[in-house]
Amino acid sequence: MLALLLKRAFRKFGGRYGYDTGYLAELADTDATGALKVALVSFFTDHRFGLEAAPYFAAKITAARQTDCGSCLRLTIAMAREAGVPMRDIRAMLLDGAESAPRNMALARHYAEAVLANDPALLNILAACEARWGKRGVAGLAAATVSGSFYPLLKRGLGHGNSCEPVMAWLAGEAKEEAMLETIDG
């Protein structure tokens, strides 16, 4: 019964974002209690700790990109857009480099990159993040970075990785489409 409820919830989530949750359904069939615990992780990883959407998703997108899972990156971008992060800012952060992205997103990207690489510069970046967002905001960046890498790594570990999806080309096309719509609406 628990496995059926979980699989229904996973399908609903997948349908909302056009995301294949087959690996989670398989996990529910394998061990429903374990799958429930995985589902409960999102209560932590989705909590932004008061951090605005743009830096939170900048860190989460950076982590998803670093783990090289195309569908997870696409999902994270869709969630960022749903939270109000403009596509042009996401595109600038990913395609043009952090230098052309809004400053808060660039700093969050540098934070996530430093955490993932265990970069010695992390202490300085962490100090800059804490000065900008406080300890609570840094907790949000940490949750975003963990979340952006947790699910892709779990998915890959279960044999469902898909690093070859061409997300960056899709992203460039989405940004052009959004720019055209802004021109028409503006």
N, C-alpha and C. Protein backbone atom coordinates (compact mmCIF):
# COMPACT_ATOMS: atom_id res chain seq x y z
N MET A 1 0.83 -1.20 0.00
CA MET A 1 0.00 0.00 0.00
C MET A 1 0.87 1.26 0.00
N LEU A 2 1.91 1.29 0.84
CA LEU A 2 2.80 2.45 0.90
C LEU A 2 3.48 2.66 -0.45
N ALA A 3 3.93 1.58 -1.07
CA ALA A 3 4.59 1.69 -2.37
C ALA A 3 3.64 2.31 -3.40
N LEU A 4 2.38 1.91 -3.39
CA LEU A 4 1.41 2.46 -4.34
C LEU A 4 1.19 3.95 -4.12
N LEU A 5 1.07 4.36 -2.87
CA LEU A 5 0.90 5.79 -2.56
C LEU A 5 2.12 6.60 -2.99
N LEU A 6 3.29 6.07 -2.72
CA LEU A 6 4.52 6.77 -3.12
C LEU A 6 4.61 6.88 -4.64
N LYS A 7 4.33 5.79 -5.32
CA LYS A 7 4.42 5.81 -6.78
C LYS A 7 3.42 6.79 -7.37
N ARG A 8 2.25 6.90 -6.79
CA ARG A 8 1.27 7.87 -7.25
C ARG A 8 1.79 9.30 -7.05
N ALA A 9 2.38 9.55 -5.90
CA ALA A 9 2.94 10.88 -5.63
C ALA A 9 4.11 11.18 -6.57
N PHE A 10 4.95 10.19 -6.81
CA PHE A 10 6.08 10.38 -7.73
C PHE A 10 5.58 10.67 -9.15
N ARG A 11 4.55 9.94 -9.59
CA ARG A 11 3.99 10.17 -10.93
C ARG A 11 3.41 11.58 -11.05
N LYS A 12 2.72 12.02 -10.00
CA LYS A 12 2.14 13.36 -10.00
C LYS A 12 3.23 14.42 -10.12
N PHE A 13 4.28 14.25 -9.35
CA PHE A 13 5.42 15.18 -9.42
C PHE A 13 6.03 15.15 -10.82
N GLY A 14 6.26 13.95 -11.33
CA GLY A 14 6.85 13.81 -12.66
C GLY A 14 5.99 14.43 -13.74
N GLY A 15 4.68 14.26 -13.64
CA GLY A 15 3.77 14.85 -14.61
C GLY A 15 3.78 16.37 -14.57
N ARG A 16 3.89 16.91 -13.39
CA ARG A 16 3.92 18.37 -13.22
C ARG A 16 5.10 18.99 -13.95
N TYR A 17 6.23 18.30 -13.94
CA TYR A 17 7.46 18.87 -14.52
C TYR A 17 7.96 18.15 -15.76
N GLY A 18 7.23 17.16 -16.24
CA GLY A 18 7.71 16.40 -17.39
C GLY A 18 9.00 15.66 -17.07
N TYR A 19 9.06 15.07 -15.89
CA TYR A 19 10.27 14.44 -15.38
C TYR A 19 10.00 12.96 -15.14
N ASP A 20 10.90 12.12 -15.56
CA ASP A 20 10.76 10.68 -15.40
C ASP A 20 11.13 10.27 -13.98
N THR A 21 10.14 9.85 -13.21
CA THR A 21 10.37 9.42 -11.83
C THR A 21 10.43 7.90 -11.72
N GLY A 22 10.72 7.23 -12.81
CA GLY A 22 10.78 5.77 -12.83
C GLY A 22 11.75 5.20 -11.82
N TYR A 23 12.87 5.89 -11.62
CA TYR A 23 13.85 5.39 -10.64
C TYR A 23 13.29 5.44 -9.23
N LEU A 24 12.45 6.41 -8.92
CA LEU A 24 11.83 6.49 -7.60
C LEU A 24 10.74 5.43 -7.45
N ALA A 25 9.99 5.19 -8.51
CA ALA A 25 8.97 4.14 -8.47
C ALA A 25 9.63 2.78 -8.28
N GLU A 26 10.74 2.57 -8.96
CA GLU A 26 11.48 1.32 -8.80
C GLU A 26 11.98 1.16 -7.37
N LEU A 27 12.43 2.26 -6.79
CA LEU A 27 12.90 2.22 -5.40
C LEU A 27 11.73 1.90 -4.46
N ALA A 28 10.56 2.45 -4.74
CA ALA A 28 9.37 2.16 -3.92
C ALA A 28 9.00 0.69 -3.99
N ASP A 29 9.15 0.09 -5.17
CA ASP A 29 8.87 -1.34 -5.31
C ASP A 29 9.93 -2.18 -4.59
N THR A 30 11.15 -1.69 -4.56
CA THR A 30 12.24 -2.42 -3.93
C THR A 30 12.16 -2.35 -2.41
N ASP A 31 11.90 -1.13 -1.90
CA ASP A 31 11.85 -0.91 -0.45
C ASP A 31 11.02 0.34 -0.19
N ALA A 32 9.76 0.17 0.11
CA ALA A 32 8.85 1.30 0.28
C ALA A 32 9.28 2.21 1.42
N THR A 33 9.76 1.67 2.50
CA THR A 33 10.19 2.49 3.63
C THR A 33 11.40 3.34 3.23
N GLY A 34 12.33 2.75 2.52
CA GLY A 34 13.48 3.50 2.03
C GLY A 34 13.06 4.60 1.07
N ALA A 35 12.13 4.30 0.18
CA ALA A 35 11.63 5.31 -0.76
C ALA A 35 10.93 6.45 -0.04
N LEU A 36 10.19 6.12 1.02
CA LEU A 36 9.55 7.15 1.83
C LEU A 36 10.60 8.06 2.45
N LYS A 37 11.65 7.49 2.95
CA LYS A 37 12.73 8.29 3.55
C LYS A 37 13.39 9.19 2.51
N VAL A 38 13.56 8.68 1.30
CA VAL A 38 14.10 9.52 0.22
C VAL A 38 13.14 10.67 -0.06
N ALA A 39 11.85 10.38 -0.13
CA ALA A 39 10.86 11.44 -0.38
C ALA A 39 10.89 12.49 0.73
N LEU A 40 11.12 12.06 1.94
CA LEU A 40 11.15 13.00 3.07
C LEU A 40 12.38 13.92 3.04
N VAL A 41 13.42 13.52 2.33
CA VAL A 41 14.61 14.36 2.21
C VAL A 41 14.24 15.71 1.60
N SER A 42 13.27 15.72 0.72
CA SER A 42 12.90 16.97 0.05
C SER A 42 12.37 18.03 1.01
N PHE A 43 11.86 17.62 2.16
CA PHE A 43 11.43 18.62 3.14
C PHE A 43 12.61 19.48 3.59
N PHE A 44 13.79 18.88 3.65
CA PHE A 44 15.00 19.66 3.97
C PHE A 44 15.53 20.36 2.73
N THR A 45 15.74 19.62 1.65
CA THR A 45 16.42 20.18 0.49
C THR A 45 15.60 21.25 -0.23
N ASP A 46 14.29 21.24 -0.09
CA ASP A 46 13.46 22.28 -0.70
C ASP A 46 13.28 23.50 0.20
N HIS A 47 13.73 23.41 1.42
CA HIS A 47 13.60 24.53 2.35
C HIS A 47 14.70 25.54 2.04
N ARG A 48 14.31 26.79 1.78
CA ARG A 48 15.28 27.80 1.36
C ARG A 48 15.87 28.58 2.52
N PHE A 49 15.43 28.35 3.73
CA PHE A 49 15.96 29.04 4.90
C PHE A 49 15.93 30.56 4.73
N GLY A 50 14.86 31.06 4.14
CA GLY A 50 14.70 32.50 3.96
C GLY A 50 15.45 33.08 2.76
N LEU A 51 16.21 32.27 2.06
CA LEU A 51 16.97 32.73 0.91
C LEU A 51 16.02 32.98 -0.27
N GLU A 52 16.27 34.04 -1.01
CA GLU A 52 15.44 34.33 -2.19
C GLU A 52 15.59 33.20 -3.20
N ALA A 53 14.63 33.13 -4.11
CA ALA A 53 14.62 32.04 -5.10
C ALA A 53 15.85 32.07 -6.01
N ALA A 54 16.26 33.24 -6.48
CA ALA A 54 17.35 33.30 -7.47
C ALA A 54 18.66 32.70 -6.96
N PRO A 55 19.17 33.09 -5.80
CA PRO A 55 20.43 32.47 -5.34
C PRO A 55 20.24 31.00 -4.94
N TYR A 56 19.09 30.67 -4.37
CA TYR A 56 18.84 29.27 -4.01
C TYR A 56 18.92 28.40 -5.25
N PHE A 57 18.20 28.79 -6.30
CA PHE A 57 18.20 27.97 -7.51
C PHE A 57 19.50 28.07 -8.28
N ALA A 58 20.23 29.17 -8.14
CA ALA A 58 21.55 29.24 -8.78
C ALA A 58 22.46 28.16 -8.21
N ALA A 59 22.43 27.98 -6.89
CA ALA A 59 23.24 26.93 -6.27
C ALA A 59 22.73 25.54 -6.66
N LYS A 60 21.42 25.37 -6.67
CA LYS A 60 20.84 24.06 -6.98
C LYS A 60 21.09 23.68 -8.44
N ILE A 61 20.93 24.63 -9.34
CA ILE A 61 21.19 24.39 -10.76
C ILE A 61 22.67 24.07 -10.98
N THR A 62 23.54 24.81 -10.32
CA THR A 62 24.98 24.56 -10.44
C THR A 62 25.32 23.14 -10.01
N ALA A 63 24.75 22.70 -8.90
CA ALA A 63 25.02 21.34 -8.41
C ALA A 63 24.47 20.30 -9.37
N ALA A 64 23.27 20.52 -9.90
CA ALA A 64 22.69 19.57 -10.86
C ALA A 64 23.54 19.49 -12.12
N ARG A 65 24.04 20.63 -12.55
CA ARG A 65 24.89 20.64 -13.74
C ARG A 65 26.20 19.90 -13.47
N GLN A 66 26.78 20.11 -12.30
CA GLN A 66 28.05 19.47 -11.96
C GLN A 66 27.92 17.94 -11.91
N THR A 67 26.74 17.45 -11.53
CA THR A 67 26.55 16.00 -11.45
C THR A 67 26.21 15.41 -12.81
N ASP A 68 26.04 16.24 -13.82
CA ASP A 68 25.90 15.81 -15.21
C ASP A 68 24.69 14.93 -15.46
N CYS A 69 23.54 15.34 -14.94
CA CYS A 69 22.28 14.64 -15.23
C CYS A 69 21.37 15.63 -15.94
N GLY A 70 21.21 15.42 -17.24
CA GLY A 70 20.43 16.36 -18.04
C GLY A 70 19.00 16.54 -17.58
N SER A 71 18.31 15.46 -17.29
CA SER A 71 16.90 15.60 -16.89
C SER A 71 16.78 16.26 -15.52
N CYS A 72 17.73 16.03 -14.63
CA CYS A 72 17.69 16.68 -13.32
C CYS A 72 17.97 18.17 -13.46
N LEU A 73 18.89 18.53 -14.35
CA LEU A 73 19.16 19.94 -14.61
C LEU A 73 17.92 20.62 -15.20
N ARG A 74 17.29 19.96 -16.15
CA ARG A 74 16.08 20.51 -16.76
C ARG A 74 14.98 20.68 -15.70
N LEU A 75 14.83 19.69 -14.82
CA LEU A 75 13.84 19.77 -13.75
C LEU A 75 14.13 20.96 -12.84
N THR A 76 15.37 21.13 -12.46
CA THR A 76 15.74 22.22 -11.56
C THR A 76 15.50 23.58 -12.21
N ILE A 77 15.78 23.69 -13.49
CA ILE A 77 15.50 24.93 -14.22
C ILE A 77 13.99 25.19 -14.24
N ALA A 78 13.19 24.16 -14.48
CA ALA A 78 11.74 24.33 -14.48
C ALA A 78 11.24 24.79 -13.11
N MET A 79 11.81 24.24 -12.06
CA MET A 79 11.41 24.64 -10.70
C MET A 79 11.82 26.08 -10.42
N ALA A 80 12.99 26.48 -10.92
CA ALA A 80 13.45 27.86 -10.74
C ALA A 80 12.51 28.83 -11.47
N ARG A 81 12.14 28.48 -12.68
CA ARG A 81 11.23 29.34 -13.45
C ARG A 81 9.88 29.43 -12.75
N GLU A 82 9.41 28.30 -12.22
CA GLU A 82 8.14 28.30 -11.49
C GLU A 82 8.21 29.22 -10.27
N ALA A 83 9.40 29.32 -9.66
CA ALA A 83 9.60 30.17 -8.49
C ALA A 83 9.84 31.63 -8.87
N GLY A 84 9.84 31.93 -10.16
CA GLY A 84 9.95 33.31 -10.61
C GLY A 84 11.34 33.76 -11.04
N VAL A 85 12.28 32.84 -11.15
CA VAL A 85 13.62 33.22 -11.60
C VAL A 85 13.57 33.37 -13.12
N PRO A 86 13.92 34.55 -13.64
CA PRO A 86 13.84 34.77 -15.09
C PRO A 86 14.79 33.86 -15.87
N MET A 87 14.31 33.38 -16.99
CA MET A 87 15.11 32.51 -17.84
C MET A 87 16.39 33.20 -18.30
N ARG A 88 16.32 34.49 -18.56
CA ARG A 88 17.52 35.20 -19.02
C ARG A 88 18.61 35.16 -17.95
N ASP A 89 18.24 35.18 -16.67
CA ASP A 89 19.23 35.12 -15.60
C ASP A 89 19.81 33.71 -15.48
N ILE A 90 18.96 32.70 -15.65
CA ILE A 90 19.44 31.31 -15.62
C ILE A 90 20.40 31.09 -16.78
N ARG A 91 20.01 31.57 -17.94
CA ARG A 91 20.85 31.43 -19.12
C ARG A 91 22.19 32.13 -18.91
N ALA A 92 22.15 33.34 -18.40
CA ALA A 92 23.39 34.09 -18.18
C ALA A 92 24.31 33.34 -17.22
N MET A 93 23.73 32.76 -16.20
CA MET A 93 24.53 32.04 -15.21
C MET A 93 25.16 30.79 -15.81
N LEU A 94 24.41 30.07 -16.63
CA LEU A 94 24.90 28.81 -17.17
C LEU A 94 25.67 28.93 -18.47
N LEU A 95 25.20 29.75 -19.37
CA LEU A 95 25.81 29.80 -20.70
C LEU A 95 26.86 30.90 -20.84
N ASP A 96 26.64 32.03 -20.21
CA ASP A 96 27.54 33.16 -20.37
C ASP A 96 28.59 33.24 -19.27
N GLY A 97 28.50 32.37 -18.30
CA GLY A 97 29.41 32.42 -17.16
C GLY A 97 28.81 33.27 -16.05
N ALA A 98 29.23 33.04 -14.87
CA ALA A 98 28.65 33.72 -13.71
C ALA A 98 28.86 35.23 -13.76
N GLU A 99 29.85 35.68 -14.52
CA GLU A 99 30.16 37.11 -14.55
C GLU A 99 29.03 37.95 -15.13
N SER A 100 28.24 37.40 -16.06
CA SER A 100 27.15 38.16 -16.66
C SER A 100 25.81 37.91 -15.96
N ALA A 101 25.80 37.03 -14.99
CA ALA A 101 24.57 36.75 -14.24
C ALA A 101 24.39 37.82 -13.16
N PRO A 102 23.18 37.96 -12.65
CA PRO A 102 22.99 38.86 -11.51
C PRO A 102 23.95 38.48 -10.38
N ARG A 103 24.41 39.46 -9.65
CA ARG A 103 25.47 39.24 -8.65
C ARG A 103 25.10 38.18 -7.61
N ASN A 104 23.84 38.20 -7.16
CA ASN A 104 23.46 37.21 -6.14
C ASN A 104 23.50 35.79 -6.69
N MET A 105 23.16 35.63 -7.97
CA MET A 105 23.22 34.30 -8.59
C MET A 105 24.67 33.88 -8.85
N ALA A 106 25.49 34.83 -9.25
CA ALA A 106 26.91 34.53 -9.49
C ALA A 106 27.58 34.08 -8.20
N LEU A 107 27.29 34.77 -7.10
CA LEU A 107 27.89 34.39 -5.82
C LEU A 107 27.40 33.01 -5.39
N ALA A 108 26.12 32.74 -5.57
CA ALA A 108 25.58 31.42 -5.20
C ALA A 108 26.19 30.33 -6.07
N ARG A 109 26.41 30.62 -7.34
CA ARG A 109 27.06 29.65 -8.22
C ARG A 109 28.49 29.37 -7.75
N HIS A 110 29.22 30.43 -7.44
CA HIS A 110 30.60 30.25 -6.95
C HIS A 110 30.61 29.44 -5.65
N TYR A 111 29.64 29.71 -4.79
CA TYR A 111 29.52 28.95 -3.54
C TYR A 111 29.35 27.46 -3.83
N ALA A 112 28.37 27.13 -4.66
CA ALA A 112 28.10 25.71 -4.96
C ALA A 112 29.31 25.05 -5.62
N GLU A 113 29.95 25.73 -6.55
CA GLU A 113 31.14 25.17 -7.20
C GLU A 113 32.24 24.91 -6.18
N ALA A 114 32.43 25.85 -5.25
CA ALA A 114 33.48 25.69 -4.24
C ALA A 114 33.16 24.55 -3.28
N VAL A 115 31.90 24.42 -2.90
CA VAL A 115 31.51 23.32 -2.02
C VAL A 115 31.74 21.98 -2.71
N LEU A 116 31.29 21.87 -3.94
CA LEU A 116 31.40 20.61 -4.67
C LEU A 116 32.85 20.23 -4.96
N ALA A 117 33.70 21.22 -5.15
CA ALA A 117 35.10 20.95 -5.46
C ALA A 117 35.98 20.92 -4.22
N ASN A 118 35.41 21.20 -3.06
CA ASN A 118 36.18 21.35 -1.83
C ASN A 118 37.32 22.34 -2.05
N ASP A 119 36.98 23.43 -2.70
CA ASP A 119 37.92 24.48 -3.09
C ASP A 119 38.42 25.22 -1.84
N PRO A 120 39.72 25.46 -1.75
CA PRO A 120 40.25 26.23 -0.61
C PRO A 120 39.67 27.64 -0.54
N ALA A 121 39.17 28.17 -1.65
CA ALA A 121 38.55 29.50 -1.66
C ALA A 121 37.19 29.51 -0.97
N LEU A 122 36.68 28.34 -0.60
CA LEU A 122 35.35 28.27 0.00
C LEU A 122 35.23 29.16 1.23
N LEU A 123 36.25 29.24 2.04
CA LEU A 123 36.15 30.06 3.26
C LEU A 123 35.87 31.52 2.92
N ASN A 124 36.53 32.05 1.91
CA ASN A 124 36.28 33.43 1.50
C ASN A 124 34.90 33.58 0.88
N ILE A 125 34.51 32.63 0.07
CA ILE A 125 33.19 32.67 -0.56
C ILE A 125 32.10 32.55 0.50
N LEU A 126 32.32 31.67 1.45
CA LEU A 126 31.37 31.49 2.55
C LEU A 126 31.21 32.78 3.34
N ALA A 127 32.33 33.47 3.59
CA ALA A 127 32.26 34.75 4.32
C ALA A 127 31.45 35.78 3.52
N ALA A 128 31.64 35.81 2.20
CA ALA A 128 30.88 36.75 1.37
C ALA A 128 29.39 36.39 1.38
N CYS A 129 29.08 35.11 1.34
CA CYS A 129 27.68 34.67 1.38
C CYS A 129 27.04 35.00 2.72
N GLU A 130 27.78 34.77 3.78
CA GLU A 130 27.24 35.08 5.11
C GLU A 130 27.03 36.58 5.28
N ALA A 131 27.93 37.38 4.73
CA ALA A 131 27.77 38.84 4.80
C ALA A 131 26.52 39.27 4.02
N ARG A 132 26.24 38.61 2.93
CA ARG A 132 25.10 38.99 2.09
C ARG A 132 23.78 38.43 2.63
N TRP A 133 23.77 37.15 3.05
CA TRP A 133 22.51 36.50 3.40
C TRP A 133 22.42 36.02 4.84
N GLY A 134 23.48 36.12 5.60
CA GLY A 134 23.48 35.64 6.98
C GLY A 134 23.63 34.13 7.04
N LYS A 135 23.76 33.62 8.25
CA LYS A 135 23.92 32.17 8.44
C LYS A 135 22.71 31.40 7.91
N ARG A 136 21.54 31.98 8.07
CA ARG A 136 20.32 31.30 7.60
C ARG A 136 20.35 31.15 6.07
N GLY A 137 20.77 32.19 5.38
CA GLY A 137 20.88 32.12 3.92
C GLY A 137 21.92 31.12 3.47
N VAL A 138 23.02 31.05 4.21
CA VAL A 138 24.06 30.05 3.89
C VAL A 138 23.49 28.64 4.05
N ALA A 139 22.64 28.45 5.05
CA ALA A 139 21.98 27.14 5.21
C ALA A 139 21.12 26.83 3.98
N GLY A 140 20.47 27.85 3.43
CA GLY A 140 19.69 27.67 2.22
C GLY A 140 20.56 27.29 1.03
N LEU A 141 21.73 27.93 0.91
CA LEU A 141 22.66 27.58 -0.16
C LEU A 141 23.16 26.15 0.00
N ALA A 142 23.43 25.76 1.24
CA ALA A 142 23.89 24.39 1.50
C ALA A 142 22.80 23.38 1.12
N ALA A 143 21.56 23.66 1.52
CA ALA A 143 20.45 22.77 1.18
C ALA A 143 20.28 22.68 -0.34
N ALA A 144 20.41 23.80 -1.03
CA ALA A 144 20.28 23.82 -2.49
C ALA A 144 21.38 22.99 -3.15
N THR A 145 22.59 23.14 -2.66
CA THR A 145 23.72 22.40 -3.24
C THR A 145 23.56 20.91 -3.01
N VAL A 146 23.15 20.53 -1.81
CA VAL A 146 22.90 19.11 -1.52
C VAL A 146 21.79 18.59 -2.42
N SER A 147 20.70 19.34 -2.52
CA SER A 147 19.57 18.90 -3.32
C SER A 147 19.92 18.75 -4.78
N GLY A 148 20.67 19.71 -5.31
CA GLY A 148 21.03 19.67 -6.71
C GLY A 148 21.91 18.49 -7.08
N SER A 149 22.61 17.94 -6.11
CA SER A 149 23.46 16.78 -6.39
C SER A 149 22.88 15.48 -5.86
N PHE A 150 22.04 15.53 -4.84
CA PHE A 150 21.52 14.31 -4.21
C PHE A 150 20.75 13.43 -5.19
N TYR A 151 19.73 13.99 -5.80
CA TYR A 151 18.88 13.17 -6.67
C TYR A 151 19.61 12.67 -7.92
N PRO A 152 20.42 13.52 -8.58
CA PRO A 152 21.17 12.97 -9.73
C PRO A 152 22.10 11.83 -9.33
N LEU A 153 22.74 11.95 -8.18
CA LEU A 153 23.64 10.87 -7.75
C LEU A 153 22.87 9.62 -7.36
N LEU A 154 21.74 9.79 -6.70
CA LEU A 154 20.89 8.65 -6.37
C LEU A 154 20.42 7.97 -7.65
N LYS A 155 19.96 8.77 -8.59
CA LYS A 155 19.48 8.25 -9.87
C LYS A 155 20.58 7.48 -10.59
N ARG A 156 21.76 8.05 -10.67
CA ARG A 156 22.88 7.38 -11.33
C ARG A 156 23.25 6.10 -10.58
N GLY A 157 23.26 6.17 -9.27
CA GLY A 157 23.61 5.00 -8.46
C GLY A 157 22.63 3.85 -8.64
N LEU A 158 21.40 4.17 -8.96
CA LEU A 158 20.38 3.14 -9.21
C LEU A 158 20.38 2.68 -10.67
N GLY A 159 21.30 3.21 -11.47
CA GLY A 159 21.41 2.78 -12.85
C GLY A 159 20.53 3.54 -13.83
N HIS A 160 20.07 4.72 -13.43
CA HIS A 160 19.16 5.50 -14.28
C HIS A 160 19.76 6.82 -14.74
N GLY A 161 21.08 6.95 -14.75
CA GLY A 161 21.72 8.20 -15.16
C GLY A 161 21.53 8.46 -16.64
N ASN A 162 21.52 9.74 -17.01
CA ASN A 162 21.35 10.10 -18.43
C ASN A 162 22.12 11.38 -18.75
N SER A 163 23.41 11.32 -18.69
CA SER A 163 24.22 12.52 -18.86
C SER A 163 24.22 13.07 -20.27
N CYS A 164 23.71 12.35 -21.25
CA CYS A 164 23.83 12.80 -22.63
C CYS A 164 22.71 13.71 -23.10
N GLU A 165 21.73 14.01 -22.29
CA GLU A 165 20.63 14.88 -22.72
C GLU A 165 21.15 16.28 -23.01
N PRO A 166 20.83 16.85 -24.16
CA PRO A 166 21.40 18.15 -24.56
C PRO A 166 20.69 19.33 -23.91
N VAL A 167 20.89 19.54 -22.65
CA VAL A 167 20.18 20.58 -21.91
C VAL A 167 20.67 21.98 -22.28
N MET A 168 21.94 22.14 -22.50
CA MET A 168 22.45 23.48 -22.75
C MET A 168 21.88 24.05 -24.06
N ALA A 169 21.73 23.24 -25.09
CA ALA A 169 21.12 23.70 -26.34
C ALA A 169 19.65 24.04 -26.10
N TRP A 170 18.96 23.21 -25.34
CA TRP A 170 17.56 23.49 -25.00
C TRP A 170 17.46 24.82 -24.25
N LEU A 171 18.37 25.06 -23.32
CA LEU A 171 18.36 26.27 -22.51
C LEU A 171 18.52 27.51 -23.39
N ALA A 172 19.43 27.46 -24.34
CA ALA A 172 19.63 28.59 -25.24
C ALA A 172 18.35 28.87 -26.03
N GLY A 173 17.68 27.83 -26.50
CA GLY A 173 16.43 27.99 -27.23
C GLY A 173 15.32 28.57 -26.37
N GLU A 174 15.24 28.11 -25.13
CA GLU A 174 14.23 28.62 -24.19
C GLU A 174 14.46 30.10 -23.91
N ALA A 175 15.71 30.50 -23.77
CA ALA A 175 16.03 31.89 -23.49
C ALA A 175 15.62 32.78 -24.67
N LYS A 176 15.86 32.31 -25.89
CA LYS A 176 15.47 33.08 -27.08
C LYS A 176 13.95 33.22 -27.14
N GLU A 177 13.23 32.12 -26.84
CA GLU A 177 11.78 32.16 -26.85
C GLU A 177 11.25 33.13 -25.81
N GLU A 178 11.82 33.12 -24.62
CA GLU A 178 11.38 34.03 -23.56
C GLU A 178 11.65 35.47 -23.94
N ALA A 179 12.80 35.73 -24.56
CA ALA A 179 13.13 37.09 -24.99
C ALA A 179 12.13 37.59 -26.03
N MET A 180 11.73 36.71 -26.94
CA MET A 180 10.73 37.09 -27.94
C MET A 180 9.40 37.41 -27.28
N LEU A 181 9.00 36.60 -26.29
CA LEU A 181 7.73 36.86 -25.60
C LEU A 181 7.78 38.17 -24.82
N GLU A 182 8.92 38.46 -24.21
CA GLU A 182 9.06 39.73 -23.47
C GLU A 182 8.95 40.90 -24.43
N THR A 183 9.51 40.76 -25.63
CA THR A 183 9.43 41.83 -26.63
C THR A 183 7.98 42.06 -27.05
N ILE A 184 7.26 40.98 -27.24
CA ILE A 184 5.85 41.07 -27.65
C ILE A 184 5.01 41.66 -26.53
N ASP A 185 5.24 41.21 -25.30
CA ASP A 185 4.46 41.68 -24.14
C ASP A 185 4.82 43.10 -23.74
N GLY A 186 6.08 43.48 -23.96
CA GLY A 186 6.60 44.76 -23.50
C GLY A 186 6.24 45.85 -24.40
